Amino acid sequence: MKGEIIEGVLLVDKPTGVFSSRVVNFTKKLVKPNKVGHGGTLDKFASGLLIVTIGKATKLFETIKSVSKSYIATVKFGEVKTTDDIYGTTISKVENFNLTYEMVKRVLNDMKGEILQIPPAFSSVHITGMRAYQIAKKNYYAALRSLSPRRVFIYDIRLLDFSGDVAVIAVECSGGTYIRSIARDLGQILGTGAYLEKLRRMKIGNISVDDAIKFEDLKSNTDLKSVIIPKEKFLKMI
């Protein structure tokens, strides 16, 4: 396919432990000289639906950003981390707490609708010409103090499972919502601290991760054209 003009979208099921940029860069090699972009990255520890855009379809970023996103998230209580996920340095721990299913469910219900959300200190949000994570690497608390709340919308948030110090939740939210922040705020409200242990993106708009090709299968696919969705067809799907 190298040298051909391509315009379309790849739906990839990104595995945990792989940077989104690796998926994008792999696609770039396959479709040179076409431009390649994405419809919103996933953190390294997260898995699920990653939309890779090719050629003129790279202009669809704002369209993809504007639709809702759905996730299944695992929240671990009892610890606060700098990154609000498994990779962060531990800031504090709380032991011997006694949470119940109903307590967690009640707080989640209060998060529905439009809320003001402070992004994680380790995020790509701009602060005076720098990314928040660049500041946080030098001074975590300075980055945290500099972040302003953002309006996001939680369409639905449900408790799927709870086992004392771990909750599995389903979230449908607007673009720009940080699930790490939801985990952090849940822990703050309940007084235990919390961080995001696992995350899987299930849907972007009407497109499901079930429609995506696994990254490992993409690497061995010899007929890339068969999995690239034309731009116009994608717009009807989303």
C-alpha atoms as a PDB file:
ATOM      1  CA  MET A   1       0.000   0.000   0.000  1.00  0.00           C
ATOM      2  CA  LYS A   2       2.992   2.307   0.252  1.00  0.00           C
ATOM      3  CA  GLY A   3       2.786   5.123  -2.256  1.00  0.00           C
ATOM      4  CA  GLU A   4      -0.993   4.891  -2.679  1.00  0.00           C
ATOM      5  CA  ILE A   5      -3.301   7.768  -1.749  1.00  0.00           C
ATOM      6  CA  ILE A   6      -5.484   6.513   1.072  1.00  0.00           C
ATOM      7  CA  GLU A   7      -8.347   8.219   2.880  1.00  0.00           C
ATOM      8  CA  GLY A   8     -10.048   6.370   5.675  1.00  0.00           C
ATOM      9  CA  VAL A   9     -10.149   5.129   9.222  1.00  0.00           C
ATOM     10  CA  LEU A  10      -8.752   2.136  11.082  1.00  0.00           C
ATOM     11  CA  LEU A  11     -10.509   0.863  14.206  1.00  0.00           C
ATOM     12  CA  VAL A  12      -7.878  -0.746  16.432  1.00  0.00           C
ATOM     13  CA  ASP A  13      -8.276  -2.617  19.710  1.00  0.00           C
ATOM     14  CA  LYS A  14      -5.187  -1.407  21.557  1.00  0.00           C
ATOM     15  CA  PRO A  15      -3.811  -3.816  24.175  1.00  0.00           C
ATOM     16  CA  THR A  16      -2.561  -2.774  27.598  1.00  0.00           C
ATOM     17  CA  GLY A  17       1.146  -1.948  27.832  1.00  0.00           C
ATOM     18  CA  VAL A  18       1.295  -0.391  24.366  1.00  0.00           C
ATOM     19  CA  PHE A  19       1.468   3.348  23.741  1.00  0.00           C
ATOM     20  CA  SER A  20      -1.137   4.753  21.328  1.00  0.00           C
ATOM     21  CA  SER A  21       1.746   6.391  19.455  1.00  0.00           C
ATOM     22  CA  ARG A  22       3.144   2.939  18.668  1.00  0.00           C
ATOM     23  CA  VAL A  23      -0.101   2.002  16.894  1.00  0.00           C
ATOM     24  CA  VAL A  24      -0.107   5.300  14.983  1.00  0.00           C
ATOM     25  CA  ASN A  25       3.582   5.010  14.014  1.00  0.00           C
ATOM     26  CA  PHE A  26       3.096   1.412  12.868  1.00  0.00           C
ATOM     27  CA  THR A  27       0.246   2.550  10.613  1.00  0.00           C
ATOM     28  CA  LYS A  28       2.413   5.367   9.223  1.00  0.00           C
ATOM     29  CA  LYS A  29       4.956   2.848   8.002  1.00  0.00           C
ATOM     30  CA  LEU A  30       2.241   0.874   6.214  1.00  0.00           C
ATOM     31  CA  VAL A  31       0.618   3.786   4.392  1.00  0.00           C
ATOM     32  CA  LYS A  32       3.506   6.129   3.525  1.00  0.00           C
ATOM     33  CA  PRO A  33       3.403   8.927   2.379  1.00  0.00           C
ATOM     34  CA  ASN A  34      -0.142   9.419   3.697  1.00  0.00           C
ATOM     35  CA  LYS A  35      -0.651  11.490   6.820  1.00  0.00           C
ATOM     36  CA  VAL A  36      -1.773   9.515   9.888  1.00  0.00           C
ATOM     37  CA  GLY A  37      -3.518  10.778  13.017  1.00  0.00           C
ATOM     38  CA  HIS A  38      -5.849   9.560  15.729  1.00  0.00           C
ATOM     39  CA  GLY A  39      -9.226  10.314  17.295  1.00  0.00           C
ATOM     40  CA  GLY A  40      -7.986  10.534  20.881  1.00  0.00           C
ATOM     41  CA  THR A  41      -5.259   8.500  22.560  1.00  0.00           C
ATOM     42  CA  LEU A  42      -5.429   5.919  25.317  1.00  0.00           C
ATOM     43  CA  ASP A  43      -2.915   5.768  28.163  1.00  0.00           C
ATOM     44  CA  LYS A  44      -0.348   2.962  28.095  1.00  0.00           C
ATOM     45  CA  PHE A  45      -2.083   0.967  30.846  1.00  0.00           C
ATOM     46  CA  ALA A  46      -5.485   1.265  29.104  1.00  0.00           C
ATOM     47  CA  SER A  47      -6.903  -0.923  26.354  1.00  0.00           C
ATOM     48  CA  GLY A  48      -9.740  -0.710  23.889  1.00  0.00           C
ATOM     49  CA  LEU A  49     -10.962   1.269  20.927  1.00  0.00           C
ATOM     50  CA  LEU A  50      -8.415   3.533  19.242  1.00  0.00           C
ATOM     51  CA  ILE A  51      -9.425   5.321  16.051  1.00  0.00           C
ATOM     52  CA  VAL A  52      -6.551   5.820  13.603  1.00  0.00           C
ATOM     53  CA  THR A  53      -7.190   8.309  10.792  1.00  0.00           C
ATOM     54  CA  ILE A  54      -5.453   8.269   7.423  1.00  0.00           C
ATOM     55  CA  GLY A  55      -5.093  10.940   4.715  1.00  0.00           C
ATOM     56  CA  LYS A  56      -7.895  13.515   4.606  1.00  0.00           C
ATOM     57  CA  ALA A  57      -9.641  11.592   7.370  1.00  0.00           C
ATOM     58  CA  THR A  58      -7.125  13.128   9.799  1.00  0.00           C
ATOM     59  CA  LYS A  59      -9.365  16.225   9.669  1.00  0.00           C
ATOM     60  CA  LEU A  60     -12.058  14.261  11.519  1.00  0.00           C
ATOM     61  CA  PHE A  61     -10.400  14.792  14.916  1.00  0.00           C
ATOM     62  CA  GLU A  62     -12.912  17.404  16.112  1.00  0.00           C
ATOM     63  CA  THR A  63     -15.834  15.272  14.916  1.00  0.00           C
ATOM     64  CA  ILE A  64     -14.551  12.266  16.854  1.00  0.00           C
ATOM     65  CA  LYS A  65     -13.750  14.429  19.880  1.00  0.00           C
ATOM     66  CA  SER A  66     -17.336  15.764  19.974  1.00  0.00           C
ATOM     67  CA  VAL A  67     -19.073  12.383  20.418  1.00  0.00           C
ATOM     68  CA  SER A  68     -19.499  10.454  23.663  1.00  0.00           C
ATOM     69  CA  LYS A  69     -17.002   7.873  24.913  1.00  0.00           C
ATOM     70  CA  SER A  70     -17.814   4.733  26.918  1.00  0.00           C
ATOM     71  CA  TYR A  71     -15.446   2.934  29.296  1.00  0.00           C
ATOM     72  CA  ILE A  72     -15.214   0.088  31.774  1.00  0.00           C
ATOM     73  CA  ALA A  73     -12.928   1.171  34.609  1.00  0.00           C
ATOM     74  CA  THR A  74     -11.491  -0.525  37.682  1.00  0.00           C
ATOM     75  CA  VAL A  75     -10.933   1.787  40.648  1.00  0.00           C
ATOM     76  CA  LYS A  76      -8.643   0.826  43.532  1.00  0.00           C
ATOM     77  CA  PHE A  77      -9.386   2.460  46.898  1.00  0.00           C
ATOM     78  CA  GLY A  78      -6.998   3.194  49.760  1.00  0.00           C
ATOM     79  CA  GLU A  79      -4.169   4.913  47.936  1.00  0.00           C
ATOM     80  CA  VAL A  80      -3.483   8.238  46.223  1.00  0.00           C
ATOM     81  CA  LYS A  81      -0.980   8.318  43.349  1.00  0.00           C
ATOM     82  CA  THR A  82       0.613  11.234  41.510  1.00  0.00           C
ATOM     83  CA  THR A  83      -0.645  10.084  38.111  1.00  0.00           C
ATOM     84  CA  ASP A  84      -4.020   8.818  39.412  1.00  0.00           C
ATOM     85  CA  ASP A  85      -3.209   5.450  37.826  1.00  0.00           C
ATOM     86  CA  ILE A  86      -1.013   2.396  38.422  1.00  0.00           C
ATOM     87  CA  TYR A  87       2.199   4.081  37.259  1.00  0.00           C
ATOM     88  CA  GLY A  88       2.237   6.925  39.783  1.00  0.00           C
ATOM     89  CA  THR A  89       4.246   7.427  42.940  1.00  0.00           C
ATOM     90  CA  THR A  90       2.236   6.826  46.098  1.00  0.00           C
ATOM     91  CA  ILE A  91       1.374  10.063  47.913  1.00  0.00           C
ATOM     92  CA  SER A  92      -0.701   8.642  50.743  1.00  0.00           C
ATOM     93  CA  LYS A  93      -2.437   5.493  51.936  1.00  0.00           C
ATOM     94  CA  VAL A  94      -5.557   4.872  53.981  1.00  0.00           C
ATOM     95  CA  GLU A  95      -6.021   1.553  55.760  1.00  0.00           C
ATOM     96  CA  ASN A  96      -8.842  -0.104  57.687  1.00  0.00           C
ATOM     97  CA  PHE A  97     -11.649   1.672  55.831  1.00  0.00           C
ATOM     98  CA  ASN A  98     -15.102   0.181  55.450  1.00  0.00           C
ATOM     99  CA  LEU A  99     -16.786   1.034  52.167  1.00  0.00           C
ATOM    100  CA  THR A 100     -20.032  -0.536  51.029  1.00  0.00           C
ATOM    101  CA  TYR A 101     -21.649  -1.057  47.645  1.00  0.00           C
ATOM    102  CA  GLU A 102     -24.341   1.488  48.486  1.00  0.00           C
ATOM    103  CA  MET A 103     -21.818   4.135  49.572  1.00  0.00           C
ATOM    104  CA  VAL A 104     -19.927   3.906  46.286  1.00  0.00           C
ATOM    105  CA  LYS A 105     -23.125   3.775  44.238  1.00  0.00           C
ATOM    106  CA  ARG A 106     -24.469   6.903  45.941  1.00  0.00           C
ATOM    107  CA  VAL A 107     -21.353   8.953  45.138  1.00  0.00           C
ATOM    108  CA  LEU A 108     -21.345   7.758  41.532  1.00  0.00           C
ATOM    109  CA  ASN A 109     -24.976   8.800  41.121  1.00  0.00           C
ATOM    110  CA  ASP A 110     -24.043  12.298  42.281  1.00  0.00           C
ATOM    111  CA  MET A 111     -21.448  12.508  39.493  1.00  0.00           C
ATOM    112  CA  LYS A 112     -24.041  12.269  36.716  1.00  0.00           C
ATOM    113  CA  GLY A 113     -24.707  15.295  34.524  1.00  0.00           C
ATOM    114  CA  GLU A 114     -22.531  18.320  33.923  1.00  0.00           C
ATOM    115  CA  ILE A 115     -19.644  18.534  36.378  1.00  0.00           C
ATOM    116  CA  LEU A 116     -16.502  20.591  36.876  1.00  0.00           C
ATOM    117  CA  GLN A 117     -13.493  18.300  36.634  1.00  0.00           C
ATOM    118  CA  ILE A 118      -9.843  19.041  37.376  1.00  0.00           C
ATOM    119  CA  PRO A 119      -7.571  17.089  34.990  1.00  0.00           C
ATOM    120  CA  PRO A 120      -4.779  14.912  36.421  1.00  0.00           C
ATOM    121  CA  ALA A 121      -1.476  16.664  37.148  1.00  0.00           C
ATOM    122  CA  PHE A 122       0.131  14.212  34.731  1.00  0.00           C
ATOM    123  CA  SER A 123      -1.916  15.103  31.656  1.00  0.00           C
ATOM    124  CA  SER A 124      -1.353  16.868  28.344  1.00  0.00           C
ATOM    125  CA  VAL A 125      -3.387  19.938  29.344  1.00  0.00           C
ATOM    126  CA  HIS A 126      -1.643  23.225  28.518  1.00  0.00           C
ATOM    127  CA  ILE A 127      -0.500  25.442  31.413  1.00  0.00           C
ATOM    128  CA  THR A 128       1.184  28.716  30.383  1.00  0.00           C
ATOM    129  CA  GLY A 129       2.734  27.233  27.265  1.00  0.00           C
ATOM    130  CA  MET A 130       3.733  23.918  28.825  1.00  0.00           C
ATOM    131  CA  ARG A 131       2.031  20.571  29.239  1.00  0.00           C
ATOM    132  CA  ALA A 132       0.838  19.796  32.762  1.00  0.00           C
ATOM    133  CA  TYR A 133       2.910  16.604  32.912  1.00  0.00           C
ATOM    134  CA  GLN A 134       6.082  18.571  32.107  1.00  0.00           C
ATOM    135  CA  ILE A 135       5.483  20.753  35.149  1.00  0.00           C
ATOM    136  CA  ALA A 136       4.379  17.802  37.292  1.00  0.00           C
ATOM    137  CA  LYS A 137       7.642  15.945  36.645  1.00  0.00           C
ATOM    138  CA  LYS A 138       9.482  18.827  38.319  1.00  0.00           C
ATOM    139  CA  ASN A 139       6.858  19.875  40.868  1.00  0.00           C
ATOM    140  CA  TYR A 140       3.717  17.790  41.210  1.00  0.00           C
ATOM    141  CA  TYR A 141       1.942  20.193  43.549  1.00  0.00           C
ATOM    142  CA  ALA A 142       2.712  23.221  41.364  1.00  0.00           C
ATOM    143  CA  ALA A 143       1.062  21.467  38.411  1.00  0.00           C
ATOM    144  CA  LEU A 144      -1.937  20.507  40.523  1.00  0.00           C
ATOM    145  CA  ARG A 145      -2.425  24.086  41.754  1.00  0.00           C
ATOM    146  CA  SER A 146      -2.197  25.456  38.205  1.00  0.00           C
ATOM    147  CA  LEU A 147      -4.939  23.279  36.724  1.00  0.00           C
ATOM    148  CA  SER A 148      -8.355  24.854  36.262  1.00  0.00           C
ATOM    149  CA  PRO A 149     -11.620  22.889  36.424  1.00  0.00           C
ATOM    150  CA  ARG A 150     -13.207  21.983  33.091  1.00  0.00           C
ATOM    151  CA  ARG A 151     -16.859  21.387  32.307  1.00  0.00           C
ATOM    152  CA  VAL A 152     -17.504  17.807  31.229  1.00  0.00           C
ATOM    153  CA  PHE A 153     -20.695  15.776  30.990  1.00  0.00           C
ATOM    154  CA  ILE A 154     -21.249  12.351  32.533  1.00  0.00           C
ATOM    155  CA  TYR A 155     -24.170  10.834  30.620  1.00  0.00           C
ATOM    156  CA  ASP A 156     -24.186   7.667  32.672  1.00  0.00           C
ATOM    157  CA  ILE A 157     -22.045   6.133  35.412  1.00  0.00           C
ATOM    158  CA  ARG A 158     -22.867   2.788  36.990  1.00  0.00           C
ATOM    159  CA  LEU A 159     -21.344   0.486  39.583  1.00  0.00           C
ATOM    160  CA  LEU A 160     -20.935  -2.948  38.008  1.00  0.00           C
ATOM    161  CA  ASP A 161     -19.075  -4.712  40.802  1.00  0.00           C
ATOM    162  CA  PHE A 162     -17.611  -3.952  44.232  1.00  0.00           C
ATOM    163  CA  SER A 163     -15.389  -6.004  46.544  1.00  0.00           C
ATOM    164  CA  GLY A 164     -14.287  -3.866  49.512  1.00  0.00           C
ATOM    165  CA  ASP A 165     -11.383  -1.953  48.009  1.00  0.00           C
ATOM    166  CA  VAL A 166     -12.067  -2.349  44.280  1.00  0.00           C
ATOM    167  CA  ALA A 167     -14.961  -1.045  42.209  1.00  0.00           C
ATOM    168  CA  VAL A 168     -15.695  -1.768  38.557  1.00  0.00           C
ATOM    169  CA  ILE A 169     -17.671   1.019  36.926  1.00  0.00           C
ATOM    170  CA  ALA A 170     -19.161   1.768  33.515  1.00  0.00           C
ATOM    171  CA  VAL A 171     -18.906   5.367  32.322  1.00  0.00           C
ATOM    172  CA  GLU A 172     -20.406   7.140  29.320  1.00  0.00           C
ATOM    173  CA  CYS A 173     -19.074  10.683  29.084  1.00  0.00           C
ATOM    174  CA  SER A 174     -18.300  13.628  26.852  1.00  0.00           C
ATOM    175  CA  GLY A 175     -14.999  14.026  25.053  1.00  0.00           C
ATOM    176  CA  GLY A 176     -12.282  15.530  27.236  1.00  0.00           C
ATOM    177  CA  THR A 177     -13.381  13.676  30.376  1.00  0.00           C
ATOM    178  CA  TYR A 178     -10.576  12.089  32.381  1.00  0.00           C
ATOM    179  CA  ILE A 179     -11.549   8.739  33.891  1.00  0.00           C
ATOM    180  CA  ARG A 180      -8.459   9.014  36.105  1.00  0.00           C
ATOM    181  CA  SER A 181      -9.994  12.149  37.593  1.00  0.00           C
ATOM    182  CA  ILE A 182     -13.261  10.321  38.239  1.00  0.00           C
ATOM    183  CA  ALA A 183     -11.329   7.648  40.159  1.00  0.00           C
ATOM    184  CA  ARG A 184      -9.370  10.285  42.109  1.00  0.00           C
ATOM    185  CA  ASP A 185     -12.504  12.283  42.962  1.00  0.00           C
ATOM    186  CA  LEU A 186     -14.395   9.156  43.996  1.00  0.00           C
ATOM    187  CA  GLY A 187     -11.647   8.350  46.483  1.00  0.00           C
ATOM    188  CA  GLN A 188     -11.527  11.924  47.783  1.00  0.00           C
ATOM    189  CA  ILE A 189     -15.278  12.064  48.416  1.00  0.00           C
ATOM    190  CA  LEU A 190     -15.279   8.684  50.170  1.00  0.00           C
ATOM    191  CA  GLY A 191     -12.231   9.650  52.220  1.00  0.00           C
ATOM    192  CA  THR A 192     -10.111   6.692  51.190  1.00  0.00           C
ATOM    193  CA  GLY A 193      -8.168   7.970  48.230  1.00  0.00           C
ATOM    194  CA  ALA A 194      -8.297   6.022  44.965  1.00  0.00           C
ATOM    195  CA  TYR A 195      -6.621   5.570  41.607  1.00  0.00           C
ATOM    196  CA  LEU A 196      -7.471   3.990  38.274  1.00  0.00           C
ATOM    197  CA  GLU A 197      -6.219   0.409  38.141  1.00  0.00           C
ATOM    198  CA  LYS A 198      -7.609  -0.673  34.761  1.00  0.00           C
ATOM    199  CA  LEU A 199      -9.363   1.043  31.872  1.00  0.00           C
ATOM    200  CA  ARG A 200     -10.938  -0.217  28.661  1.00  0.00           C
ATOM    201  CA  ARG A 201     -12.598   2.026  26.084  1.00  0.00           C
ATOM    202  CA  MET A 202     -15.680   0.245  24.818  1.00  0.00           C
ATOM    203  CA  LYS A 203     -17.261   2.770  22.452  1.00  0.00           C
ATOM    204  CA  ILE A 204     -16.692   6.056  20.665  1.00  0.00           C
ATOM    205  CA  GLY A 205     -20.040   7.429  19.584  1.00  0.00           C
ATOM    206  CA  ASN A 206     -21.893   4.466  18.065  1.00  0.00           C
ATOM    207  CA  ILE A 207     -18.718   2.564  17.201  1.00  0.00           C
ATOM    208  CA  SER A 208     -17.867  -0.409  19.410  1.00  0.00           C
ATOM    209  CA  VAL A 209     -14.529  -1.993  20.197  1.00  0.00           C
ATOM    210  CA  ASP A 210     -16.148  -5.180  18.860  1.00  0.00           C
ATOM    211  CA  ASP A 211     -15.835  -3.618  15.386  1.00  0.00           C
ATOM    212  CA  ALA A 212     -12.080  -3.112  15.800  1.00  0.00           C
ATOM    213  CA  ILE A 213      -9.128  -5.211  14.713  1.00  0.00           C
ATOM    214  CA  LYS A 214      -6.736  -6.293  17.453  1.00  0.00           C
ATOM    215  CA  PHE A 215      -3.335  -4.620  17.158  1.00  0.00           C
ATOM    216  CA  GLU A 216      -1.574  -7.985  16.994  1.00  0.00           C
ATOM    217  CA  ASP A 217      -3.830  -9.006  14.092  1.00  0.00           C
ATOM    218  CA  LEU A 218      -3.171  -5.685  12.370  1.00  0.00           C
ATOM    219  CA  LYS A 219       0.563  -6.346  12.482  1.00  0.00           C
ATOM    220  CA  SER A 220       0.091  -9.643  10.657  1.00  0.00           C
ATOM    221  CA  ASN A 221      -2.590  -8.430   8.243  1.00  0.00           C
ATOM    222  CA  THR A 222      -1.493  -8.592   4.615  1.00  0.00           C
ATOM    223  CA  ASP A 223      -4.586  -6.874   3.205  1.00  0.00           C
ATOM    224  CA  LEU A 224      -4.790  -3.520   4.996  1.00  0.00           C
ATOM    225  CA  LYS A 225      -7.353  -2.188   2.527  1.00  0.00           C
ATOM    226  CA  SER A 226      -9.873  -4.720   3.806  1.00  0.00           C
ATOM    227  CA  VAL A 227      -9.885  -3.144   7.292  1.00  0.00           C
ATOM    228  CA  ILE A 228      -9.722   0.546   6.347  1.00  0.00           C
ATOM    229  CA  ILE A 229     -13.148   2.182   6.538  1.00  0.00           C
ATOM    230  CA  PRO A 230     -13.816   4.900   3.936  1.00  0.00           C
ATOM    231  CA  LYS A 231     -14.305   8.360   5.425  1.00  0.00           C
ATOM    232  CA  GLU A 232     -17.938   8.755   4.328  1.00  0.00           C
ATOM    233  CA  LYS A 233     -18.930   5.329   5.653  1.00  0.00           C
ATOM    234  CA  PHE A 234     -17.226   6.116   8.973  1.00  0.00           C
ATOM    235  CA  LEU A 235     -19.184   9.363   9.334  1.00  0.00           C
ATOM    236  CA  LYS A 236     -22.429   7.413   9.010  1.00  0.00           C
ATOM    237  CA  MET A 237     -21.240   4.860  11.582  1.00  0.00           C
ATOM    238  CA  ILE A 238     -20.176   7.288  14.291  1.00  0.00           C
END
